[in-house]
Amino acid sequence: MFVLRNILTTILLVATLVVTENRLHAEKDVPPAAATDQLPPWKQQAVTYARMLSEVKWTPIAAGMPTRGGYFEEGVEYTGLPYSSVKSTGRYIGFDIYLKTFLAALENPDSVVYQENLAGNIPNAECYYGTVCSAYTSYAYQCGIWYLSWYHGPMHQNGVELVKPANGQTVQVGDVIFRPSKGKSGSHVELVTELFTNDRGVVTHVRVDECTSPLAKSTKYPVQEFNTHLSTRGRELYRITDREAWRQANRASSFQFPNYEEDTSTPVINRVLLLDRGDWVAYEKNQEVRFNILDKDNQGVTALVIERDGKLVEKIDVTSQEIVSRSFSQCGNYTAHCVMSDNSQSQACEFSVCDLSFRLPKSHVPVEGTWDLHFDTANMKSVIVYFRCGEKRERQHNVFITDADRTLGKVEIPDEVVREPGEVEVWLIGENKYGRLKKRMMFQVEVQP
């Protein structure tokens, strides 16, 4: 019996050593996790900007801010930007307005975030200010305009590759997860922002940031759950290896928006006066501007002063808690401040009044060949012509407007933009230091006899 027990003990010890050796050998073959401090600077920036949008905290001060299936609750603190596919009607946080403009609008119960509801009018939209998954990842990767979710991958862009096999041991920080559309569920993109490893360098958890309804958010997946996440719904893992090849001319540094310096700073929100679109924002010519005199600290207000380019436009006698509406036919950069009861001046709100328009060829837009799009702007620069073409308008194309184009007041649209007959959507996008405005038009492209 003693001999038999020793034999069994020896067999068990040998088996344990074999299993341990096999496991250690397998772990040596696992690629090391990419530490954030080892990333190239542009990927480190992408992580920083993605987290900023998923970690920003904000609180509605009034009822009526819409989200899918209802409303955000007054007085409740939320984390992450609101999801809303605002398209050309509302404004994308980061691309069309500063982050601080959204935060200022939250402090005004008369602002568009409480008074405007895009649900039922704009597909996949609710709040007038918001963002979506593709705008979220494009903002993080410092693009001048968002790429549609399916445009993140190698089928449409250079400088990006499909990662195979895709799992928690091959993933790297900065990778993009793409999920194709299925049924009523649209396509989606997410961004890997952090890897957690054990003392042997084996990944144990993966952090993924994304913008999905109702909010941008961060999820820390145990590696097995992450693997399951990757292997369902046809998801693919993309790695941007050359950002310049991937973005091409679509660089944020070529435009005034996104403005990361402003978005990462801590704004001082006006407590006396706010605009219906917040503060630091652009309006269209002749569009109503509502000035809400809040006087949150009850200092007493005697007058509202509006100036354009440093010159007085109007001085209006007012009292606290009053809304004044005006529209402006003259383009320019405006400020508005209140005169307080002690004759001091409040912090000023800043905004611009702009004009933006464009026209297509008088006869028709050709299916083949180049054509000119003419545009006019005042107090802002036309910067991008954005197209959605093809079946279900799933093809995206950006034409970037140059200084030479602005001098001529027209831009040549290349032959490859409109490739087939059918309905085409086109936006003209203009910007100045206060934000962007968008003008949209639908037109039919027909084969001419």
Protein backbone atom coordinates (compact mmCIF):
# COMPACT_ATOMS: atom_id res chain seq x y z
CA MET A 1 0.00 0.00 0.00
CA PHE A 2 2.86 2.39 0.84
CA VAL A 3 4.51 1.69 -2.53
CA LEU A 4 1.22 2.24 -4.38
CA ARG A 5 0.66 5.56 -2.60
CA ASN A 6 4.15 6.75 -3.59
CA ILE A 7 3.55 5.77 -7.20
CA LEU A 8 0.25 7.70 -7.31
CA THR A 9 1.91 10.72 -5.69
CA THR A 10 4.70 10.65 -8.28
CA ILE A 11 2.22 10.42 -11.17
CA LEU A 12 0.23 13.35 -9.81
CA LEU A 13 3.38 15.46 -9.39
CA VAL A 14 4.56 14.72 -12.94
CA ALA A 15 1.11 15.59 -14.35
CA THR A 16 1.08 18.86 -12.42
CA LEU A 17 4.53 19.78 -13.72
CA VAL A 18 3.50 19.02 -17.32
CA VAL A 19 0.34 21.17 -17.08
CA THR A 20 2.28 24.02 -15.45
CA GLU A 21 4.99 23.88 -18.12
CA ASN A 22 2.40 23.87 -20.93
CA ARG A 23 0.61 26.87 -19.41
CA LEU A 24 3.81 28.85 -18.97
CA HIS A 25 4.84 28.03 -22.56
CA ALA A 26 1.44 29.19 -23.84
CA GLU A 27 1.67 32.42 -21.88
CA LYS A 28 5.10 33.12 -23.39
CA ASP A 29 3.45 32.98 -26.83
CA VAL A 30 0.84 35.60 -25.87
CA PRO A 31 1.63 39.05 -27.35
CA PRO A 32 2.32 41.59 -24.58
CA ALA A 33 -0.41 44.11 -23.87
CA ALA A 34 0.09 47.62 -25.25
CA ALA A 35 0.62 49.94 -22.30
CA THR A 36 -0.83 53.42 -22.72
CA ASP A 37 2.54 55.09 -22.11
CA GLN A 38 4.00 53.03 -24.99
CA LEU A 39 1.45 54.24 -27.50
CA PRO A 40 2.33 56.80 -30.17
CA PRO A 41 1.24 60.30 -29.06
CA TRP A 42 -1.72 60.42 -31.46
CA LYS A 43 -3.18 57.25 -29.96
CA GLN A 44 -2.61 58.57 -26.45
CA GLN A 45 -4.53 61.69 -27.51
CA ALA A 46 -7.35 59.55 -28.89
CA VAL A 47 -7.71 57.83 -25.52
CA THR A 48 -7.63 61.15 -23.66
CA TYR A 49 -10.29 62.75 -25.84
CA ALA A 50 -12.54 59.67 -25.81
CA ARG A 51 -12.44 59.52 -22.02
CA MET A 52 -13.12 63.22 -21.74
CA LEU A 53 -16.43 62.75 -23.57
CA SER A 54 -17.39 59.58 -21.70
CA GLU A 55 -16.44 60.95 -18.26
CA VAL A 56 -17.81 64.50 -18.43
CA LYS A 57 -20.40 65.04 -15.69
CA TRP A 58 -23.46 67.22 -16.11
CA THR A 59 -26.83 67.84 -14.48
CA PRO A 60 -30.05 69.10 -16.09
CA ILE A 61 -31.42 72.05 -14.11
CA ALA A 62 -34.88 71.79 -15.69
CA ALA A 63 -37.31 69.22 -17.02
CA GLY A 64 -37.74 68.54 -20.73
CA MET A 65 -34.30 67.43 -21.93
CA PRO A 66 -35.23 64.55 -24.27
CA THR A 67 -33.63 61.15 -24.54
CA ARG A 68 -34.81 57.93 -26.16
CA GLY A 69 -38.13 56.92 -24.67
CA GLY A 70 -38.39 59.84 -22.28
CA TYR A 71 -36.43 62.63 -20.65
CA PHE A 72 -33.33 63.11 -18.55
CA GLU A 73 -34.29 63.81 -14.94
CA GLU A 74 -33.97 67.29 -13.53
CA GLY A 75 -31.35 67.51 -10.77
CA VAL A 76 -29.77 64.10 -11.53
CA GLU A 77 -26.06 64.00 -12.34
CA TYR A 78 -25.18 62.12 -15.53
CA THR A 79 -21.82 60.95 -16.84
CA GLY A 80 -20.97 61.00 -20.55
CA LEU A 81 -22.34 63.08 -23.42
CA PRO A 82 -25.97 62.52 -24.48
CA TYR A 83 -26.56 60.37 -27.56
CA SER A 84 -28.45 62.11 -30.36
CA SER A 85 -27.99 61.84 -34.12
CA VAL A 86 -28.66 65.54 -34.69
CA LYS A 87 -27.62 65.48 -38.37
CA SER A 88 -27.94 68.86 -40.11
CA THR A 89 -30.73 70.15 -37.83
CA GLY A 90 -29.12 70.05 -34.39
CA ARG A 91 -25.47 70.37 -33.51
CA TYR A 92 -22.83 67.78 -32.71
CA ILE A 93 -20.92 68.45 -29.50
CA GLY A 94 -17.25 68.81 -30.40
CA PHE A 95 -17.75 69.23 -34.15
CA ASP A 96 -20.42 71.97 -34.33
CA ILE A 97 -20.17 73.48 -30.85
CA TYR A 98 -17.70 73.53 -28.00
CA LEU A 99 -18.22 71.20 -25.07
CA LYS A 100 -18.55 74.36 -22.95
CA THR A 101 -21.44 75.56 -25.15
CA PHE A 102 -23.37 72.42 -24.22
CA LEU A 103 -22.51 72.90 -20.53
CA ALA A 104 -23.69 76.52 -20.69
CA ALA A 105 -26.96 75.52 -22.36
CA LEU A 106 -27.61 73.12 -19.48
CA GLU A 107 -27.63 76.07 -17.06
CA ASN A 108 -30.39 77.89 -18.94
CA PRO A 109 -33.93 76.46 -18.59
CA ASP A 110 -34.90 78.35 -21.77
CA SER A 111 -32.16 76.74 -23.86
CA VAL A 112 -32.51 74.40 -26.82
CA VAL A 113 -31.58 71.34 -24.76
CA TYR A 114 -34.88 71.72 -22.86
CA GLN A 115 -37.06 73.50 -25.43
CA GLU A 116 -36.17 71.61 -28.64
CA ASN A 117 -37.02 67.92 -29.21
CA LEU A 118 -35.84 66.31 -32.45
CA ALA A 119 -37.60 62.99 -31.80
CA GLY A 120 -40.11 62.18 -34.51
CA ASN A 121 -38.57 64.70 -36.89
CA ILE A 122 -34.98 63.47 -37.18
CA PRO A 123 -34.32 59.70 -37.20
CA ASN A 124 -32.29 58.48 -34.23
CA ALA A 125 -32.26 61.94 -32.63
CA GLU A 126 -33.77 63.50 -29.53
CA CYS A 127 -31.67 66.23 -27.90
CA TYR A 128 -30.70 69.26 -30.01
CA TYR A 129 -27.10 68.92 -28.79
CA GLY A 130 -25.53 65.45 -28.75
CA THR A 131 -23.16 63.01 -30.38
CA VAL A 132 -23.18 59.50 -31.89
CA CYS A 133 -20.75 56.59 -31.99
CA SER A 134 -19.00 57.59 -35.22
CA ALA A 135 -18.70 61.25 -34.22
CA TYR A 136 -17.36 60.08 -30.86
CA THR A 137 -14.54 57.96 -32.32
CA SER A 138 -13.78 60.46 -35.11
CA TYR A 139 -13.48 63.24 -32.51
CA ALA A 140 -11.12 61.07 -30.48
CA TYR A 141 -8.93 60.42 -33.53
CA GLN A 142 -8.80 64.16 -34.31
CA CYS A 143 -10.79 64.29 -37.54
CA GLY A 144 -12.21 67.50 -38.98
CA ILE A 145 -15.55 65.79 -39.67
CA TRP A 146 -16.83 62.40 -38.57
CA TYR A 147 -16.48 59.24 -40.59
CA LEU A 148 -19.59 57.08 -40.72
CA SER A 149 -19.19 53.95 -38.61
CA TRP A 150 -18.61 51.63 -41.58
CA TYR A 151 -16.06 54.08 -42.99
CA HIS A 152 -13.65 53.36 -40.12
CA GLY A 153 -12.41 50.13 -41.68
CA PRO A 154 -10.07 48.98 -44.47
CA MET A 155 -12.92 48.59 -46.99
CA HIS A 156 -13.06 52.40 -47.26
CA GLN A 157 -9.88 53.81 -45.72
CA ASN A 158 -6.13 53.35 -45.99
CA GLY A 159 -3.86 53.09 -42.97
CA VAL A 160 -6.16 50.67 -41.11
CA GLU A 161 -6.11 46.89 -40.92
CA LEU A 162 -8.36 44.06 -39.80
CA VAL A 163 -6.99 42.34 -36.69
CA LYS A 164 -7.10 38.52 -36.81
CA PRO A 165 -7.48 36.65 -34.57
CA ALA A 166 -9.44 39.20 -32.59
CA ASN A 167 -9.46 38.57 -28.84
CA GLY A 168 -8.36 39.96 -25.51
CA GLN A 169 -4.73 38.96 -26.08
CA THR A 170 -4.35 40.46 -29.57
CA VAL A 171 -6.27 43.70 -28.96
CA GLN A 172 -4.38 46.96 -28.47
CA VAL A 173 -5.32 50.28 -26.95
CA GLY A 174 -6.73 52.51 -29.68
CA ASP A 175 -8.32 49.68 -31.67
CA VAL A 176 -11.80 50.25 -33.09
CA ILE A 177 -14.57 47.65 -32.77
CA PHE A 178 -17.05 47.73 -35.66
CA ARG A 179 -20.47 46.08 -35.50
CA PRO A 180 -22.49 45.92 -38.75
CA SER A 181 -26.16 46.83 -38.86
CA LYS A 182 -28.77 44.12 -38.39
CA GLY A 183 -32.51 44.59 -38.68
CA LYS A 184 -33.53 47.84 -37.02
CA SER A 185 -30.23 48.04 -35.15
CA GLY A 186 -27.76 50.26 -36.98
CA SER A 187 -24.03 49.80 -37.28
CA HIS A 188 -21.86 50.83 -34.35
CA VAL A 189 -18.23 51.60 -33.44
CA GLU A 190 -16.44 51.46 -30.10
CA LEU A 191 -12.92 52.39 -29.00
CA VAL A 192 -10.58 50.30 -26.85
CA THR A 193 -9.05 52.69 -24.30
CA GLU A 194 -7.28 50.54 -21.70
CA LEU A 195 -5.90 47.05 -21.07
CA PHE A 196 -5.48 45.53 -17.62
CA THR A 197 -2.85 42.81 -17.21
CA ASN A 198 -1.67 40.45 -14.49
CA ASP A 199 1.93 40.22 -13.28
CA ARG A 200 2.77 37.97 -16.24
CA GLY A 201 1.55 40.50 -18.78
CA VAL A 202 -1.57 38.54 -19.67
CA VAL A 203 -4.63 40.70 -20.34
CA THR A 204 -7.35 40.19 -17.75
CA HIS A 205 -9.74 43.08 -18.55
CA VAL A 206 -10.39 45.42 -21.47
CA ARG A 207 -11.91 48.89 -21.20
CA VAL A 208 -14.12 49.98 -24.08
CA ASP A 209 -15.50 53.51 -24.53
CA GLU A 210 -18.40 54.31 -26.83
CA CYS A 211 -21.36 56.59 -27.42
CA THR A 212 -24.62 54.70 -27.36
CA SER A 213 -28.11 55.64 -26.25
CA PRO A 214 -28.63 57.29 -23.84
CA LEU A 215 -25.03 58.32 -23.02
CA ALA A 216 -21.39 57.95 -23.93
CA LYS A 217 -20.01 55.37 -21.53
CA SER A 218 -17.10 53.20 -20.49
CA THR A 219 -17.28 49.44 -19.89
CA LYS A 220 -14.56 47.31 -18.23
CA TYR A 221 -14.94 43.78 -19.60
CA PRO A 222 -13.33 40.69 -18.03
CA VAL A 223 -11.32 39.23 -20.89
CA GLN A 224 -13.68 36.29 -21.48
CA GLU A 225 -16.67 38.63 -21.69
CA PHE A 226 -14.68 40.83 -24.06
CA ASN A 227 -13.94 37.82 -26.26
CA THR A 228 -17.63 36.96 -26.31
CA HIS A 229 -18.46 40.58 -27.14
CA LEU A 230 -16.05 40.51 -30.09
CA SER A 231 -17.32 37.18 -31.43
CA THR A 232 -21.02 38.14 -31.60
CA ARG A 233 -23.09 40.20 -34.07
CA GLY A 234 -20.38 40.05 -36.75
CA ARG A 235 -18.05 42.44 -34.92
CA GLU A 236 -14.64 43.16 -36.41
CA LEU A 237 -11.54 44.63 -34.79
CA TYR A 238 -9.77 47.40 -36.71
CA ARG A 239 -6.34 48.85 -35.97
CA ILE A 240 -5.36 52.26 -37.32
CA THR A 241 -1.67 51.90 -38.12
CA ASP A 242 -1.16 55.16 -40.03
CA ARG A 243 -3.45 57.95 -38.90
CA GLU A 244 -2.41 60.32 -41.68
CA ALA A 245 -3.23 57.75 -44.36
CA TRP A 246 -6.52 57.02 -42.59
CA ARG A 247 -7.59 60.67 -42.15
CA GLN A 248 -5.95 62.08 -45.30
CA ALA A 249 -7.15 65.70 -45.56
CA ASN A 250 -9.70 65.17 -42.78
CA ARG A 251 -7.47 66.61 -40.04
CA ALA A 252 -8.90 68.56 -37.11
CA SER A 253 -5.81 70.78 -37.15
CA SER A 254 -6.90 72.13 -40.57
CA PHE A 255 -10.12 73.57 -39.10
CA GLN A 256 -11.29 75.64 -36.16
CA PHE A 257 -13.37 72.67 -34.94
CA PRO A 258 -12.92 70.39 -33.15
CA ASN A 259 -11.09 72.67 -30.71
CA TYR A 260 -9.44 70.41 -28.15
CA GLU A 261 -7.78 73.25 -26.25
CA GLU A 262 -11.15 74.81 -25.49
CA ASP A 263 -12.86 71.48 -24.85
CA THR A 264 -10.26 70.39 -22.29
CA SER A 265 -10.30 73.71 -20.41
CA THR A 266 -12.62 74.47 -17.49
CA PRO A 267 -15.17 77.06 -18.62
CA VAL A 268 -16.62 79.82 -16.47
CA ILE A 269 -20.36 79.62 -17.09
CA ASN A 270 -22.23 82.93 -16.94
CA ARG A 271 -24.53 83.12 -13.91
CA VAL A 272 -26.27 86.34 -14.92
CA LEU A 273 -27.07 85.91 -18.62
CA LEU A 274 -27.24 83.01 -21.07
CA LEU A 275 -28.42 82.55 -24.65
CA ASP A 276 -30.98 80.01 -25.83
CA ARG A 277 -28.09 78.13 -27.46
CA GLY A 278 -25.84 78.48 -24.43
CA ASP A 279 -22.81 80.69 -25.00
CA TRP A 280 -19.89 80.89 -27.45
CA VAL A 281 -22.14 79.86 -30.34
CA ALA A 282 -23.08 80.77 -33.93
CA TYR A 283 -26.54 81.87 -35.16
CA GLU A 284 -27.87 82.29 -38.66
CA LYS A 285 -28.72 85.72 -39.99
CA ASN A 286 -32.24 86.81 -38.93
CA GLN A 287 -32.53 83.86 -36.55
CA GLU A 288 -34.13 84.63 -33.18
CA VAL A 289 -31.72 84.95 -30.27
CA ARG A 290 -33.25 84.65 -26.80
CA PHE A 291 -31.36 86.31 -23.96
CA ASN A 292 -32.31 84.81 -20.60
CA ILE A 293 -31.48 87.12 -17.69
CA LEU A 294 -31.00 84.60 -14.89
CA ASP A 295 -29.29 86.66 -12.17
CA LYS A 296 -28.73 83.45 -10.19
CA ASP A 297 -27.03 85.30 -7.33
CA ASN A 298 -29.79 87.95 -7.05
CA GLN A 299 -27.44 90.89 -7.56
CA GLY A 300 -30.04 92.98 -9.38
CA VAL A 301 -30.03 93.86 -13.10
CA THR A 302 -30.94 97.18 -14.72
CA ALA A 303 -30.04 96.82 -18.41
CA LEU A 304 -29.09 94.39 -21.18
CA VAL A 305 -26.37 95.70 -23.51
CA ILE A 306 -25.82 94.15 -26.94
CA GLU A 307 -22.74 95.04 -28.99
CA ARG A 308 -21.44 94.03 -32.40
CA ASP A 309 -17.71 94.06 -33.03
CA GLY A 310 -17.29 96.36 -30.02
CA LYS A 311 -19.97 98.88 -31.05
CA LEU A 312 -23.30 99.39 -29.29
CA VAL A 313 -26.27 97.80 -31.00
CA GLU A 314 -28.91 98.24 -28.31
CA LYS A 315 -29.28 98.96 -24.61
CA ILE A 316 -32.51 97.60 -23.14
CA ASP A 317 -33.95 98.38 -19.71
CA VAL A 318 -34.65 95.08 -17.97
CA THR A 319 -35.15 93.45 -14.60
CA SER A 320 -34.00 90.11 -13.22
CA GLN A 321 -35.52 86.85 -14.53
CA GLU A 322 -36.59 88.20 -17.90
CA ILE A 323 -36.24 86.84 -21.44
CA VAL A 324 -35.49 89.27 -24.26
CA SER A 325 -35.76 88.15 -27.92
CA ARG A 326 -33.97 89.78 -30.83
CA SER A 327 -32.94 88.86 -34.36
CA PHE A 328 -30.02 90.38 -36.23
CA SER A 329 -29.83 91.11 -39.95
CA GLN A 330 -26.22 92.26 -39.86
CA CYS A 331 -23.55 89.58 -39.65
CA GLY A 332 -20.73 89.96 -37.17
CA ASN A 333 -19.42 88.92 -33.79
CA TYR A 334 -21.66 89.99 -30.92
CA THR A 335 -21.46 90.21 -27.16
CA ALA A 336 -24.20 90.72 -24.60
CA HIS A 337 -23.82 91.67 -20.95
CA CYS A 338 -25.96 93.03 -18.15
CA VAL A 339 -25.54 96.23 -16.19
CA MET A 340 -25.96 95.34 -12.53
CA SER A 341 -27.72 97.41 -9.86
CA ASP A 342 -24.34 98.60 -8.54
CA ASN A 343 -23.49 99.79 -12.09
CA SER A 344 -20.94 96.99 -12.62
CA GLN A 345 -20.97 94.77 -15.71
CA SER A 346 -21.73 91.07 -15.74
CA GLN A 347 -19.69 88.48 -17.59
CA ALA A 348 -20.44 88.79 -21.31
CA CYS A 349 -22.00 86.13 -23.53
CA GLU A 350 -20.35 85.76 -26.93
CA PHE A 351 -22.01 84.77 -30.20
CA SER A 352 -21.81 85.35 -33.92
CA VAL A 353 -24.39 86.03 -36.62
CA CYS A 354 -23.58 84.45 -39.99
CA ASP A 355 -24.97 83.73 -43.43
CA LEU A 356 -24.44 80.53 -45.37
CA SER A 357 -25.97 79.36 -48.65
CA PHE A 358 -25.16 77.32 -51.76
CA ARG A 359 -26.65 76.44 -55.13
CA LEU A 360 -26.38 73.53 -57.52
CA PRO A 361 -26.00 73.69 -61.33
CA LYS A 362 -29.08 75.26 -62.95
CA SER A 363 -29.72 72.42 -65.38
CA HIS A 364 -28.77 69.17 -63.65
CA VAL A 365 -26.08 67.38 -61.70
CA PRO A 366 -24.35 64.92 -64.05
CA VAL A 367 -23.81 61.25 -63.24
CA GLU A 368 -20.43 61.43 -64.96
CA GLY A 369 -17.95 64.28 -64.95
CA THR A 370 -17.11 67.14 -62.61
CA TRP A 371 -19.44 69.99 -61.73
CA ASP A 372 -19.34 73.18 -59.66
CA LEU A 373 -21.14 73.93 -56.42
CA HIS A 374 -21.43 77.67 -55.78
CA PHE A 375 -21.60 79.04 -52.24
CA ASP A 376 -21.88 82.32 -50.34
CA THR A 377 -20.96 83.01 -46.73
CA ALA A 378 -20.74 85.97 -44.39
CA ASN A 379 -18.80 86.04 -41.11
CA MET A 380 -17.68 82.43 -41.53
CA LYS A 381 -15.65 80.28 -43.91
CA SER A 382 -17.14 77.52 -46.01
CA VAL A 383 -14.98 74.52 -45.16
CA ILE A 384 -16.60 71.22 -46.20
CA VAL A 385 -19.14 69.94 -48.70
CA TYR A 386 -20.52 66.69 -47.28
CA PHE A 387 -22.30 64.10 -49.46
CA ARG A 388 -24.42 61.02 -48.76
CA CYS A 389 -25.01 59.04 -51.95
CA GLY A 390 -25.89 55.61 -53.26
CA GLU A 391 -28.38 53.04 -52.00
CA LYS A 392 -29.89 54.23 -48.71
CA ARG A 393 -27.33 57.06 -48.96
CA GLU A 394 -24.70 54.81 -47.37
CA ARG A 395 -21.79 56.26 -49.33
CA GLN A 396 -20.00 59.20 -47.69
CA HIS A 397 -17.82 61.74 -49.43
CA ASN A 398 -16.21 64.94 -48.16
CA VAL A 399 -14.96 67.70 -50.42
CA PHE A 400 -12.69 70.09 -48.53
CA ILE A 401 -12.89 73.71 -49.62
CA THR A 402 -9.62 75.57 -50.17
CA ASP A 403 -8.76 79.26 -49.93
CA ALA A 404 -8.69 79.37 -53.74
CA ASP A 405 -12.23 77.93 -53.82
CA ARG A 406 -13.40 80.55 -51.32
CA THR A 407 -11.96 83.31 -53.49
CA LEU A 408 -13.91 81.99 -56.50
CA GLY A 409 -17.06 81.28 -54.46
CA LYS A 410 -17.29 77.77 -55.87
CA VAL A 411 -15.77 74.33 -55.49
CA GLU A 412 -15.38 71.64 -58.11
CA ILE A 413 -17.08 68.37 -57.20
CA PRO A 414 -14.99 65.44 -58.46
CA ASP A 415 -16.41 62.84 -60.81
CA GLU A 416 -16.25 60.04 -58.21
CA VAL A 417 -18.63 61.74 -55.76
CA VAL A 418 -21.91 61.11 -57.63
CA ARG A 419 -21.62 57.71 -59.29
CA GLU A 420 -25.20 56.65 -59.88
CA PRO A 421 -28.68 58.07 -60.46
CA GLY A 422 -30.90 58.54 -57.44
CA GLU A 423 -31.35 60.74 -54.41
CA VAL A 424 -28.32 62.58 -53.06
CA GLU A 425 -27.95 64.49 -49.81
CA VAL A 426 -25.50 67.37 -49.65
CA TRP A 427 -24.53 69.75 -46.85
CA LEU A 428 -22.48 72.90 -46.96
CA ILE A 429 -20.62 73.34 -43.67
CA GLY A 430 -19.19 76.67 -42.57
CA GLU A 431 -17.32 77.61 -39.42
CA ASN A 432 -15.89 80.45 -37.41
CA LYS A 433 -14.41 80.61 -33.91
CA TYR A 434 -17.88 80.18 -32.37
CA GLY A 435 -18.87 76.99 -34.13
CA ARG A 436 -20.27 75.52 -37.31
CA LEU A 437 -23.46 75.96 -39.30
CA LYS A 438 -24.84 73.47 -41.83
CA LYS A 439 -27.11 73.93 -44.82
CA ARG A 440 -28.67 70.80 -46.31
CA MET A 441 -30.26 70.06 -49.67
CA MET A 442 -31.69 66.93 -51.29
CA PHE A 443 -31.58 66.49 -55.06
CA GLN A 444 -32.15 63.84 -57.70
CA VAL A 445 -29.48 62.76 -60.12
CA GLU A 446 -30.93 61.53 -63.39
CA VAL A 447 -29.35 60.14 -66.52
CA GLN A 448 -29.77 62.74 -69.26
CA PRO A 449 -30.97 61.56 -72.71
